[in-house]
C-alpha atoms as a PDB file:
ATOM      1  CA  MET A   1      94.403  25.220 -23.639  1.00  0.00           C
ATOM      2  CA  GLY A   2      90.919  26.530 -24.214  1.00  0.00           C
ATOM      3  CA  ASP A   3      87.328  25.124 -23.303  1.00  0.00           C
ATOM      4  CA  ASP A   4      87.120  22.910 -26.789  1.00  0.00           C
ATOM      5  CA  ASP A   5      90.355  21.279 -25.711  1.00  0.00           C
ATOM      6  CA  TYR A   6      89.102  20.290 -22.809  1.00  0.00           C
ATOM      7  CA  GLU A   7      85.990  19.028 -24.286  1.00  0.00           C
ATOM      8  CA  ARG A   8      87.939  16.713 -26.486  1.00  0.00           C
ATOM      9  CA  LEU A   9      89.297  15.552 -23.320  1.00  0.00           C
ATOM     10  CA  GLU A  10      86.359  14.945 -21.277  1.00  0.00           C
ATOM     11  CA  ARG A  11      85.063  12.992 -24.826  1.00  0.00           C
ATOM     12  CA  LEU A  12      87.856  10.609 -24.105  1.00  0.00           C
ATOM     13  CA  VAL A  13      87.263   9.876 -20.165  1.00  0.00           C
ATOM     14  CA  LYS A  14      83.674   8.770 -21.391  1.00  0.00           C
ATOM     15  CA  GLU A  15      85.061   6.676 -24.284  1.00  0.00           C
ATOM     16  CA  LEU A  16      87.510   5.075 -21.498  1.00  0.00           C
ATOM     17  CA  GLY A  17      85.033   5.047 -18.992  1.00  0.00           C
ATOM     18  CA  ALA A  18      82.837   2.844 -21.099  1.00  0.00           C
ATOM     19  CA  ARG A  19      86.121   0.510 -21.198  1.00  0.00           C
ATOM     20  CA  GLY A  20      85.834   0.430 -17.699  1.00  0.00           C
ATOM     21  CA  LEU A  21      88.801   2.427 -16.874  1.00  0.00           C
ATOM     22  CA  LEU A  22      89.267   5.172 -14.377  1.00  0.00           C
ATOM     23  CA  ALA A  23      90.215   8.341 -16.161  1.00  0.00           C
ATOM     24  CA  ARG A  24      89.787  11.990 -15.648  1.00  0.00           C
ATOM     25  CA  VAL A  25      90.911  15.306 -16.813  1.00  0.00           C
ATOM     26  CA  ILE A  26      94.001  16.727 -14.839  1.00  0.00           C
ATOM     27  CA  ARG A  27      94.635  20.577 -14.882  1.00  0.00           C
ATOM     28  CA  THR A  28      98.283  21.791 -13.714  1.00  0.00           C
ATOM     29  CA  GLN A  29      98.975  24.455 -11.946  1.00  0.00           C
ATOM     30  CA  GLY A  30     100.564  25.869 -14.553  1.00  0.00           C
ATOM     31  CA  GLY A  31      97.401  25.084 -16.854  1.00  0.00           C
ATOM     32  CA  ARG A  32      98.375  22.307 -18.789  1.00  0.00           C
ATOM     33  CA  GLN A  33      95.861  19.386 -19.152  1.00  0.00           C
ATOM     34  CA  PHE A  34      95.799  15.720 -19.838  1.00  0.00           C
ATOM     35  CA  VAL A  35      93.850  12.700 -19.235  1.00  0.00           C
ATOM     36  CA  ARG A  36      94.706  10.343 -16.536  1.00  0.00           C
ATOM     37  CA  VAL A  37      93.923   6.635 -17.015  1.00  0.00           C
ATOM     38  CA  ILE A  38      94.389   4.089 -14.851  1.00  0.00           C
ATOM     39  CA  ASN A  39      93.040   0.025 -15.320  1.00  0.00           C
ATOM     40  CA  PRO A  40      91.069  -0.544 -11.869  1.00  0.00           C
ATOM     41  CA  LYS A  41      91.747  -4.137 -11.848  1.00  0.00           C
ATOM     42  CA  ALA A  42      95.309  -3.351 -12.429  1.00  0.00           C
ATOM     43  CA  THR A  43      96.459  -0.416 -10.793  1.00  0.00           C
ATOM     44  CA  SER A  44      99.834   0.080 -11.631  1.00  0.00           C
ATOM     45  CA  LEU A  45      98.774   0.607 -15.419  1.00  0.00           C
ATOM     46  CA  THR A  46      98.494   4.072 -15.898  1.00  0.00           C
ATOM     47  CA  GLU A  47      98.645   6.214 -18.957  1.00  0.00           C
ATOM     48  CA  ASN A  48      98.624  10.062 -19.336  1.00  0.00           C
ATOM     49  CA  VAL A  49      97.140  11.273 -22.757  1.00  0.00           C
ATOM     50  CA  THR A  50      97.214  14.962 -23.650  1.00  0.00           C
ATOM     51  CA  CYS A  51      95.800  16.685 -26.789  1.00  0.00           C
ATOM     52  CA  ARG A  52      97.684  18.402 -29.287  1.00  0.00           C
ATOM     53  CA  SER A  53      97.266  20.426 -32.515  1.00  0.00           C
ATOM     54  CA  ALA A  54      99.186  19.148 -35.564  1.00  0.00           C
ATOM     55  CA  THR A  55     101.655  21.211 -36.770  1.00  0.00           C
ATOM     56  CA  VAL A  56     101.246  19.751 -40.380  1.00  0.00           C
ATOM     57  CA  SER A  57      98.022  20.829 -42.888  1.00  0.00           C
ATOM     58  CA  ASP A  58      97.369  18.141 -44.230  1.00  0.00           C
ATOM     59  CA  MET A  59      96.568  15.883 -41.019  1.00  0.00           C
ATOM     60  CA  PRO A  60      93.639  16.005 -38.825  1.00  0.00           C
ATOM     61  CA  ASP A  61      93.860  19.672 -36.510  1.00  0.00           C
ATOM     62  CA  TRP A  62      94.314  17.780 -33.487  1.00  0.00           C
ATOM     63  CA  TRP A  63      95.631  14.375 -32.003  1.00  0.00           C
ATOM     64  CA  TYR A  64      95.444  12.556 -28.762  1.00  0.00           C
ATOM     65  CA  CYS A  65      98.887  11.631 -27.709  1.00  0.00           C
ATOM     66  CA  TRP A  66     100.728   9.175 -25.192  1.00  0.00           C
ATOM     67  CA  SER A  67     102.831  10.560 -22.489  1.00  0.00           C
ATOM     68  CA  TRP A  68     105.995  10.324 -24.245  1.00  0.00           C
ATOM     69  CA  GLY A  69     104.484  13.036 -27.188  1.00  0.00           C
ATOM     70  CA  GLU A  70     103.946  10.717 -29.880  1.00  0.00           C
ATOM     71  CA  ARG A  71     100.463  10.873 -31.556  1.00  0.00           C
ATOM     72  CA  MET A  72      98.505   8.102 -31.062  1.00  0.00           C
ATOM     73  CA  HIS A  73      95.224   8.763 -32.856  1.00  0.00           C
ATOM     74  CA  THR A  74      93.272  11.611 -34.552  1.00  0.00           C
ATOM     75  CA  ALA A  75      90.852  13.556 -31.824  1.00  0.00           C
ATOM     76  CA  ASP A  76      87.795  13.656 -33.782  1.00  0.00           C
ATOM     77  CA  ASP A  77      87.280   9.832 -33.121  1.00  0.00           C
ATOM     78  CA  PRO A  78      87.549   9.745 -29.287  1.00  0.00           C
ATOM     79  CA  ALA A  79      86.381   6.111 -29.316  1.00  0.00           C
ATOM     80  CA  GLY A  80      89.158   4.946 -31.319  1.00  0.00           C
ATOM     81  CA  ALA A  81      91.500   6.337 -29.105  1.00  0.00           C
ATOM     82  CA  ALA A  82      90.340   4.999 -26.108  1.00  0.00           C
ATOM     83  CA  THR A  83      90.157   1.544 -27.923  1.00  0.00           C
ATOM     84  CA  LYS A  84      94.131   2.120 -28.203  1.00  0.00           C
ATOM     85  CA  VAL A  85      94.567   3.178 -24.851  1.00  0.00           C
ATOM     86  CA  ALA A  86      92.269   0.238 -23.468  1.00  0.00           C
ATOM     87  CA  ARG A  87      94.516  -2.091 -25.308  1.00  0.00           C
ATOM     88  CA  VAL A  88      97.807  -0.881 -24.061  1.00  0.00           C
ATOM     89  CA  LEU A  89      96.462  -0.831 -20.744  1.00  0.00           C
ATOM     90  CA  ALA A  90      94.704  -4.128 -20.492  1.00  0.00           C
ATOM     91  CA  ALA A  91      96.071  -6.803 -17.616  1.00  0.00           C
ATOM     92  CA  VAL A  92      97.365 -10.179 -19.012  1.00  0.00           C
ATOM     93  CA  GLY A  93      94.267 -12.377 -19.259  1.00  0.00           C
ATOM     94  CA  GLU A  94      92.060  -9.416 -19.729  1.00  0.00           C
END
């Protein structure tokens, strides 16, 4: 992943923080990058979000993806992606 990919992940981190979630970009020794997200009100609620390029030409170029690899939201809308993650990580009663 290059600097552009890192910027996409950082934009998501900013949006997640605005929704009260703890988030940061993690870079593994192998160079893989992802956003680690934690609900501070229920720390067992976590998710790792990646950003990947699309392989189909009729779709947006980059997507945020859930930890299991499924596309979640287009990377040109980090606010929309953050809203989805926030819903998934919401504690009961939030």
